[in-house]
Structure formats: structure tokens, C-alpha cells
């Protein structure tokens, strides 16, 4: 009420007016606003509250796109210290711009949908994704080698989010403007130094050409100790390995298969208490070495040595090259190797359940 007794009417600024006013805001004022937002703890980067600097980046990102600055923390997350667009916001902006989506099939294993825009892309754009595709690529595994909690608890929702990102960015890339979605951000690893000899050998393997003659040498699969036996039943048993987090896609995939093996081993130990399975655990390096040996063959294994010793960097490079060119080979070889070890450990009456009755 003013001095004359009349009620004062407060006019809220429109979104456009708010953006215009914020455009004239000084940097110090923006920083003060970012500090207050960060102190509130209302917005988080992962499991931790955003820092004032992270809030400031998202505010400036929103300002650059013509939004109110508070929308920066509403539309975007911070994942691995990288701005990431929230999946729901991506879909909302797509539909607000006239985009249409039709879900053909969505469950824990498969996600199929079509995306279209009446002007930019009138014809339906089909996106067909499966959980197995992401498992084979190692996307569902975290740094510890286990399935990420979000993929484990909400696989259908994760598949839909990936489908939305792929479909919307394919027909309307202007919605995201190059900002990735949260689950698309992976830890960027440094590229290993490529060994020319390994690259040439892989190229020959891809073309199925004979490799250059190399003396047949059977080196140990580790820097010391006896060579790995080709017969899983006679393979020397080792103490329970110390689990280290794999840092490559093939490593995360193999570790995931090892986790399944360990789960089956635990069941055997529980069902057959008279047996001692304490020394039948499998280490990641053990499986990687076996697969690497299968890739190059007996005669060419010396190429994975340096000065007559097992070279882990050469094995890593070989595995990365093979993963990029033929993931199915590594997948099948890993599964067959671990299943063979389990079959050798199962008591006869347990193994009989898997036999073909017509043999």
C-alpha cells in the first residue's frame, strides 16, 4: 500500500524480461548468485553438492542459450566434471519443438522407437537398441568391473534414455547443441602407444593372411611362474587374486564375466562343502593372457614379448585392437574359457546335467 492508501501491484517479470535483466548482471553478481546456489545444496554433481565454479559454468551455459540462469542447474548435470544434459529435458525440448516419438517396444532387454519431426524429418527414424549391445561394448560396467547401479536397477529406463539421445540427436541435433547426456559421458582414457609390430600382425589376422615366420616359443604368461596349461582341468590353481578395477572396455567386459564365474564358484562351494574351492579364483590378467594367446596363436606369441619377457603393454594394445575390430571373438573366447574352468570344477553328478542325452 502506498502513502495514499492504494494497493501496490507487483508485476512479475516475464521469462524474456528476466533473461534481459540477467544479461546486464555484472560478473561479481553472478558469482555471488552461484555461491548462494552452491551453499544451498539443492543441486548435486553426482553424489556431492555442486561447487560454485560448476554452478557458474551451468549458469553461463544457460545464459548463452537464452535461458534464465537458474535453468542452468535445472537442465544440466555435472558428470566427471563435464556438463551433461538431463534426459528428461532433452525429450521435453524435442517435443516442445514439435518432435514426435513412438515407443514400439521397451523392456529390460530391448528398446525400439521411432522419432520424427513434421518439418525437419517427416519420415520416422528407427532406433533399435538392446542391453546385450551395451554389455558387449562394456558400457554397462563401472570402473570396478561390476554392472553400474543404474543399469542394474533400471535397465529399461537406461535403454530409453540412450534411445532418446540417439534418435533426437540424429534428426534434431540443435536440441542438445553438442551437450552429451549424463550416461553418455565415459571416463576418457589415454590412448596406449601402438606397437607397429602388433598393428601389422592384427592387420594380417583381419585379412587372414599368413603371419611372418616367428620361432615357436612357449613363454610364461606372466613375468614369472609356469606357462598356462591348455587343459583347464590340469591348470595350476592360484590364490585368490587381488581385484583391480579395469580401465578399458574389454577389461570391464571380461571382469563382468569373471564376476559371473565367481558367483557360480560361490554356489559350488556352498552346495559342496566337502570340496575346497578357495584356490580356484580367476584374475583378470589370467583371462586376458589366455585370450591374447588365442588371438595370435602359439607360433606368434613371441611377438607379445620384449627381451624374452611377457610384455603387458603389448598385450593391452593387442586386446584393444581386437576389441575394436572383433568384439565377438573376445566375448566368445572369454565365456568359453571360464565355462571350461567351471565344468572342470563341477562334481560329476553336477556336470552330468549339462550333457547331451543323445550322445
Protein backbone atom coordinates (compact mmCIF):
# COMPACT_ATOMS: atom_id res chain seq x y z
CA UNK A 1 0.00 0.00 0.00
CA UNK A 2 1.38 3.43 -0.94
CA UNK A 3 1.14 6.66 1.06
CA UNK A 4 -2.25 7.43 -0.49
CA UNK A 5 -3.70 4.14 0.76
CA UNK A 6 -3.82 2.44 -2.66
CA UNK A 7 -2.65 -1.14 -3.02
CA UNK A 8 0.60 -1.62 -4.88
CA UNK A 9 0.55 -4.17 -7.70
CA UNK A 10 3.72 -6.19 -8.12
CA UNK A 11 4.34 -7.21 -11.72
CA UNK A 12 6.43 -10.36 -12.07
CA UNK A 13 8.93 -10.16 -14.92
CA UNK A 14 8.35 -12.45 -17.90
CA UNK A 15 10.94 -15.05 -18.78
CA UNK A 16 12.18 -12.87 -21.63
CA UNK A 17 12.42 -9.85 -19.35
CA UNK A 18 14.23 -11.92 -16.73
CA UNK A 19 16.78 -13.06 -19.29
CA UNK A 20 17.25 -9.45 -20.45
CA UNK A 21 17.88 -8.27 -16.89
CA UNK A 22 20.31 -11.10 -16.18
CA UNK A 23 22.15 -10.18 -19.37
CA UNK A 24 23.09 -6.89 -17.72
CA UNK A 25 24.20 -8.56 -14.48
CA UNK A 26 27.82 -7.97 -13.51
CA UNK A 27 30.21 -10.88 -13.16
CA UNK A 28 30.52 -10.27 -9.40
CA UNK A 29 26.75 -10.52 -9.04
CA UNK A 30 26.73 -13.79 -11.00
CA UNK A 31 29.47 -15.19 -8.79
CA UNK A 32 27.52 -14.24 -5.67
CA UNK A 33 24.44 -15.96 -7.06
CA UNK A 34 26.49 -19.10 -7.86
CA UNK A 35 27.87 -19.12 -4.31
CA UNK A 36 24.37 -18.98 -2.81
CA UNK A 37 23.08 -21.76 -5.07
CA UNK A 38 26.07 -23.97 -4.22
CA UNK A 39 25.64 -23.35 -0.48
CA UNK A 40 22.01 -24.40 -0.64
CA UNK A 41 23.00 -27.96 -1.56
CA UNK A 42 19.89 -28.26 -3.70
CA UNK A 43 21.82 -29.29 -6.82
CA UNK A 44 24.43 -32.01 -6.89
CA UNK A 45 27.24 -33.19 -9.15
CA UNK A 46 26.93 -36.94 -8.78
CA UNK A 47 26.64 -37.56 -5.03
CA UNK A 48 28.32 -34.30 -3.98
CA UNK A 49 26.94 -30.74 -3.95
CA UNK A 50 27.98 -28.63 -6.91
CA UNK A 51 30.83 -26.22 -6.37
CA UNK A 52 30.31 -22.50 -7.02
CA UNK A 53 32.53 -22.84 -10.10
CA UNK A 54 30.39 -25.66 -11.50
CA UNK A 55 27.21 -23.71 -10.85
CA UNK A 56 28.76 -20.70 -12.55
CA UNK A 57 29.54 -22.73 -15.69
CA UNK A 58 25.97 -24.01 -15.93
CA UNK A 59 24.58 -20.52 -15.36
CA UNK A 60 26.72 -19.14 -18.19
CA UNK A 61 25.70 -22.05 -20.41
CA UNK A 62 22.03 -21.25 -19.81
CA UNK A 63 22.70 -17.56 -20.42
CA UNK A 64 24.39 -18.36 -23.75
CA UNK A 65 21.34 -20.36 -24.83
CA UNK A 66 18.90 -17.63 -23.88
CA UNK A 67 17.51 -19.21 -20.71
CA UNK A 68 17.21 -17.80 -17.23
CA UNK A 69 20.46 -18.59 -15.45
CA UNK A 70 18.79 -20.69 -12.74
CA UNK A 71 17.72 -23.05 -15.53
CA UNK A 72 21.38 -23.98 -15.98
CA UNK A 73 21.28 -26.17 -12.86
CA UNK A 74 17.77 -27.35 -13.72
CA UNK A 75 18.58 -28.52 -17.25
CA UNK A 76 22.12 -29.83 -16.82
CA UNK A 77 24.08 -32.16 -14.57
CA UNK A 78 27.81 -32.30 -13.89
CA UNK A 79 29.24 -35.77 -14.64
CA UNK A 80 33.00 -36.39 -14.45
CA UNK A 81 33.28 -32.58 -14.23
CA UNK A 82 31.59 -32.26 -17.66
CA UNK A 83 28.21 -30.54 -18.29
CA UNK A 84 25.59 -33.12 -19.30
CA UNK A 85 22.01 -32.56 -20.40
CA UNK A 86 19.33 -34.28 -18.34
CA UNK A 87 17.45 -36.92 -20.35
CA UNK A 88 14.01 -35.59 -19.43
CA UNK A 89 14.97 -32.07 -20.51
CA UNK A 90 16.25 -33.35 -23.85
CA UNK A 91 12.96 -35.13 -24.53
CA UNK A 92 10.89 -32.17 -23.29
CA UNK A 93 12.67 -29.70 -25.60
CA UNK A 94 12.33 -32.13 -28.53
CA UNK A 95 8.57 -32.42 -28.03
CA UNK A 96 8.18 -28.69 -27.38
CA UNK A 97 9.81 -28.09 -30.78
CA UNK A 98 7.25 -30.34 -32.48
CA UNK A 99 9.16 -33.61 -32.33
CA UNK A 100 7.24 -36.85 -32.01
CA UNK A 101 8.28 -40.21 -30.55
CA UNK A 102 6.55 -43.60 -30.74
CA UNK A 103 7.69 -46.44 -28.47
CA UNK A 104 7.43 -49.72 -30.36
CA UNK A 105 8.95 -51.94 -27.66
CA UNK A 106 10.55 -51.13 -24.33
CA UNK A 107 11.63 -53.55 -21.61
CA UNK A 108 14.76 -54.56 -19.69
CA UNK A 109 16.34 -56.16 -22.78
CA UNK A 110 15.14 -54.24 -25.85
CA UNK A 111 14.20 -50.68 -26.75
CA UNK A 112 12.72 -49.83 -30.18
CA UNK A 113 11.29 -46.43 -31.03
CA UNK A 114 10.73 -44.11 -33.98
CA UNK A 115 11.46 -40.38 -33.99
CA UNK A 116 10.14 -37.78 -36.43
CA UNK A 117 9.63 -34.06 -36.90
CA UNK A 118 6.92 -32.78 -39.26
CA UNK A 119 9.32 -30.34 -40.96
CA UNK A 120 12.93 -31.37 -40.31
CA UNK A 121 12.46 -35.14 -40.62
CA UNK A 122 8.92 -36.18 -41.68
CA UNK A 123 9.85 -39.86 -42.14
CA UNK A 124 10.11 -41.97 -38.96
CA UNK A 125 13.70 -42.59 -37.81
CA UNK A 126 14.03 -46.03 -36.20
CA UNK A 127 16.28 -46.63 -33.19
CA UNK A 128 16.74 -50.26 -32.15
CA UNK A 129 18.90 -50.93 -29.05
CA UNK A 130 19.47 -53.97 -26.84
CA UNK A 131 21.01 -54.44 -23.41
CA UNK A 132 23.34 -57.08 -24.88
CA UNK A 133 24.81 -54.47 -27.26
CA UNK A 134 25.84 -52.22 -24.38
CA UNK A 135 27.05 -55.17 -22.30
CA UNK A 136 29.26 -56.37 -25.15
CA UNK A 137 30.73 -52.87 -25.54
CA UNK A 138 31.41 -52.64 -21.82
CA UNK A 139 29.16 -49.59 -21.36
CA UNK A 140 27.12 -51.15 -18.55
CA UNK A 141 30.23 -51.83 -16.43
CA UNK A 142 31.74 -49.35 -14.00
CA UNK A 143 35.37 -48.76 -13.07
CA UNK A 144 35.21 -51.64 -10.57
CA UNK A 145 34.22 -54.10 -13.29
CA UNK A 146 30.68 -54.55 -11.95
CA UNK A 147 27.42 -53.58 -13.65
CA UNK A 148 26.66 -49.93 -12.87
CA UNK A 149 23.85 -49.50 -10.34
CA UNK A 150 21.64 -47.55 -12.75
CA UNK A 151 21.95 -50.25 -15.46
CA UNK A 152 21.33 -52.95 -12.83
CA UNK A 153 18.29 -51.33 -11.22
CA UNK A 154 16.64 -49.58 -14.18
CA UNK A 155 17.82 -51.21 -17.43
CA UNK A 156 14.63 -50.31 -19.32
CA UNK A 157 14.90 -46.63 -18.36
CA UNK A 158 18.60 -46.56 -19.31
CA UNK A 159 17.83 -48.07 -22.71
CA UNK A 160 15.08 -45.50 -23.29
CA UNK A 161 17.45 -42.66 -22.34
CA UNK A 162 20.05 -43.92 -24.81
CA UNK A 163 17.37 -44.31 -27.49
CA UNK A 164 16.15 -40.74 -26.90
CA UNK A 165 19.66 -39.38 -27.19
CA UNK A 166 20.41 -41.29 -30.40
CA UNK A 167 17.09 -40.52 -32.07
CA UNK A 168 16.86 -36.84 -31.13
CA UNK A 169 20.47 -36.06 -31.98
CA UNK A 170 20.04 -37.81 -35.33
CA UNK A 171 17.10 -35.73 -36.56
CA UNK A 172 17.31 -32.56 -34.40
CA UNK A 173 20.89 -32.02 -33.17
CA UNK A 174 20.04 -28.41 -32.36
CA UNK A 175 18.14 -29.54 -29.26
CA UNK A 176 21.24 -30.69 -27.37
CA UNK A 177 23.68 -28.35 -29.15
CA UNK A 178 26.50 -30.84 -28.69
CA UNK A 179 25.98 -31.28 -24.93
CA UNK A 180 26.05 -35.02 -24.13
CA UNK A 181 23.58 -36.80 -21.90
CA UNK A 182 24.72 -37.88 -18.45
CA UNK A 183 25.08 -41.60 -19.20
CA UNK A 184 26.97 -40.93 -22.43
CA UNK A 185 29.93 -39.47 -20.57
CA UNK A 186 32.58 -42.13 -20.01
CA UNK A 187 35.97 -41.80 -18.37
CA UNK A 188 38.32 -40.73 -21.16
CA UNK A 189 41.38 -42.91 -21.09
CA UNK A 190 44.72 -42.06 -22.61
CA UNK A 191 45.41 -43.84 -25.87
CA UNK A 192 48.04 -46.54 -25.46
CA UNK A 193 51.17 -46.36 -27.54
CA UNK A 194 50.58 -48.55 -30.55
CA UNK A 195 53.28 -51.10 -31.29
CA UNK A 196 53.82 -51.21 -35.10
CA UNK A 197 54.53 -54.94 -34.99
CA UNK A 198 51.27 -55.63 -33.16
CA UNK A 199 49.32 -53.43 -35.58
CA UNK A 200 50.80 -55.25 -38.59
CA UNK A 201 50.01 -58.61 -37.03
CA UNK A 202 46.41 -57.57 -36.35
CA UNK A 203 46.02 -56.37 -39.91
CA UNK A 204 47.25 -59.74 -41.17
CA UNK A 205 44.87 -61.53 -38.85
CA UNK A 206 41.97 -59.43 -40.09
CA UNK A 207 42.80 -60.23 -43.70
CA UNK A 208 43.56 -63.85 -42.80
CA UNK A 209 46.99 -63.67 -44.37
CA UNK A 210 49.86 -65.81 -43.11
CA UNK A 211 51.94 -64.05 -40.49
CA UNK A 212 55.70 -63.69 -40.97
CA UNK A 213 57.66 -66.68 -39.68
CA UNK A 214 58.46 -66.39 -35.99
CA UNK A 215 60.29 -69.03 -33.94
CA UNK A 216 57.83 -71.07 -31.93
CA UNK A 217 58.49 -70.14 -28.34
CA UNK A 218 56.30 -71.01 -25.41
CA UNK A 219 56.94 -68.26 -22.86
CA UNK A 220 55.24 -67.94 -19.48
CA UNK A 221 52.06 -65.88 -19.49
CA UNK A 222 53.37 -63.74 -16.65
CA UNK A 223 56.75 -62.36 -15.75
CA UNK A 224 57.42 -65.47 -13.69
CA UNK A 225 55.88 -68.86 -12.98
CA UNK A 226 54.97 -71.85 -15.15
CA UNK A 227 53.20 -71.43 -18.50
CA UNK A 228 49.43 -71.64 -18.55
CA UNK A 229 48.11 -75.10 -19.28
CA UNK A 230 45.80 -75.51 -22.27
CA UNK A 231 43.81 -78.06 -20.26
CA UNK A 232 41.70 -76.17 -17.66
CA UNK A 233 41.43 -79.30 -15.52
CA UNK A 234 45.20 -79.51 -15.14
CA UNK A 235 45.80 -75.78 -14.82
CA UNK A 236 47.74 -74.84 -11.66
CA UNK A 237 45.48 -73.18 -9.09
CA UNK A 238 46.36 -69.79 -7.68
CA UNK A 239 45.49 -67.93 -4.52
CA UNK A 240 42.52 -65.59 -4.59
CA UNK A 241 43.62 -62.62 -6.73
CA UNK A 242 43.50 -59.04 -5.59
CA UNK A 243 40.83 -57.42 -7.73
CA UNK A 244 41.84 -54.25 -9.54
CA UNK A 245 39.44 -52.04 -11.46
CA UNK A 246 39.85 -52.47 -15.25
CA UNK A 247 40.30 -49.26 -17.21
CA UNK A 248 39.39 -50.45 -20.72
CA UNK A 249 36.12 -51.53 -22.30
CA UNK A 250 37.39 -55.06 -22.96
CA UNK A 251 38.70 -55.22 -19.39
CA UNK A 252 35.35 -54.19 -17.93
CA UNK A 253 33.57 -56.77 -20.07
CA UNK A 254 35.96 -59.58 -19.06
CA UNK A 255 35.72 -58.56 -15.40
CA UNK A 256 31.94 -58.77 -15.68
CA UNK A 257 32.23 -62.34 -16.94
CA UNK A 258 34.68 -63.15 -14.14
CA UNK A 259 32.13 -61.86 -11.62
CA UNK A 260 29.60 -64.32 -13.04
CA UNK A 261 32.20 -67.09 -12.77
CA UNK A 262 32.91 -66.15 -9.15
CA UNK A 263 29.19 -66.23 -8.40
CA UNK A 264 28.93 -69.77 -9.79
CA UNK A 265 32.05 -70.75 -7.85
CA UNK A 266 30.45 -69.48 -4.64
CA UNK A 267 27.37 -71.60 -5.34
CA UNK A 268 29.53 -74.68 -5.85
CA UNK A 269 31.33 -74.01 -2.57
CA UNK A 270 28.00 -73.66 -0.77
CA UNK A 271 26.49 -76.82 -2.29
CA UNK A 272 29.61 -78.95 -1.90
CA UNK A 273 31.17 -78.07 1.43
CA UNK A 274 33.40 -81.12 1.23
CA UNK A 275 35.27 -79.53 -1.71
CA UNK A 276 37.91 -76.82 -1.38
CA UNK A 277 37.43 -74.07 -3.97
CA UNK A 278 39.50 -71.45 -2.18
CA UNK A 279 42.27 -71.63 -4.77
CA UNK A 280 40.09 -71.66 -7.89
CA UNK A 281 39.51 -67.92 -8.20
CA UNK A 282 40.36 -66.25 -11.51
CA UNK A 283 42.27 -62.99 -12.01
CA UNK A 284 41.62 -60.54 -14.83
CA UNK A 285 45.19 -60.80 -16.12
CA UNK A 286 44.90 -64.58 -16.32
CA UNK A 287 41.88 -64.40 -18.66
CA UNK A 288 43.36 -61.53 -20.70
CA UNK A 289 46.56 -63.51 -21.28
CA UNK A 290 44.58 -66.55 -22.38
CA UNK A 291 42.53 -64.50 -24.87
CA UNK A 292 45.63 -62.73 -26.19
CA UNK A 293 47.31 -66.10 -26.75
CA UNK A 294 44.23 -67.29 -28.66
CA UNK A 295 44.35 -64.20 -30.89
CA UNK A 296 47.95 -64.54 -32.07
CA UNK A 297 48.30 -68.31 -31.87
CA UNK A 298 51.08 -70.46 -30.48
CA UNK A 299 53.61 -69.65 -33.21
CA UNK A 300 53.28 -65.87 -32.91
CA UNK A 301 53.13 -65.50 -29.13
CA UNK A 302 56.74 -64.30 -29.08
CA UNK A 303 55.51 -61.02 -30.57
CA UNK A 304 53.97 -60.23 -27.19
CA UNK A 305 57.39 -60.33 -25.56
CA UNK A 306 60.10 -57.77 -25.01
CA UNK A 307 63.60 -59.11 -24.43
CA UNK A 308 62.16 -62.56 -23.92
CA UNK A 309 59.72 -61.43 -21.21
CA UNK A 310 55.96 -61.11 -21.22
CA UNK A 311 55.02 -57.50 -22.16
CA UNK A 312 51.75 -56.32 -20.61
CA UNK A 313 51.64 -53.19 -22.79
CA UNK A 314 51.79 -55.25 -25.98
CA UNK A 315 49.02 -57.50 -24.69
CA UNK A 316 46.92 -54.43 -23.84
CA UNK A 317 47.45 -52.96 -27.31
CA UNK A 318 46.59 -56.25 -28.99
CA UNK A 319 43.40 -56.61 -26.95
CA UNK A 320 42.28 -53.04 -27.67
CA UNK A 321 42.83 -53.53 -31.41
CA UNK A 322 40.95 -56.83 -31.37
CA UNK A 323 38.10 -55.35 -29.30
CA UNK A 324 37.68 -52.58 -31.87
CA UNK A 325 37.68 -55.00 -34.82
CA UNK A 326 36.04 -58.16 -33.45
CA UNK A 327 34.34 -57.90 -30.05
CA UNK A 328 32.57 -61.21 -30.56
CA UNK A 329 35.88 -63.08 -30.63
CA UNK A 330 36.92 -61.75 -27.21
CA UNK A 331 33.41 -62.31 -25.86
CA UNK A 332 33.19 -65.92 -27.05
CA UNK A 333 36.76 -66.80 -26.05
CA UNK A 334 36.25 -65.37 -22.55
CA UNK A 335 32.96 -67.15 -21.95
CA UNK A 336 34.26 -70.48 -23.32
CA UNK A 337 37.40 -70.28 -21.17
CA UNK A 338 35.50 -69.58 -17.94
CA UNK A 339 32.81 -72.16 -18.67
CA UNK A 340 35.52 -74.77 -19.31
CA UNK A 341 37.05 -73.98 -15.92
CA UNK A 342 33.66 -74.30 -14.21
CA UNK A 343 32.95 -77.58 -15.97
CA UNK A 344 36.25 -78.96 -14.72
CA UNK A 345 35.41 -77.94 -11.15
CA UNK A 346 31.86 -79.29 -11.04
CA UNK A 347 31.42 -82.72 -9.47
CA UNK A 348 30.47 -85.43 -11.95
CA UNK A 349 26.80 -85.52 -10.96
CA UNK A 350 26.54 -81.73 -11.43
CA UNK A 351 28.26 -81.73 -14.78
CA UNK A 352 26.01 -84.53 -15.98
CA UNK A 353 23.09 -82.12 -16.04
CA UNK A 354 24.67 -80.28 -18.97
CA UNK A 355 25.44 -83.37 -21.06
CA UNK A 356 23.58 -84.12 -24.27
CA UNK A 357 21.36 -87.17 -23.52
CA UNK A 358 21.59 -88.31 -27.16
CA UNK A 359 25.41 -88.65 -27.08
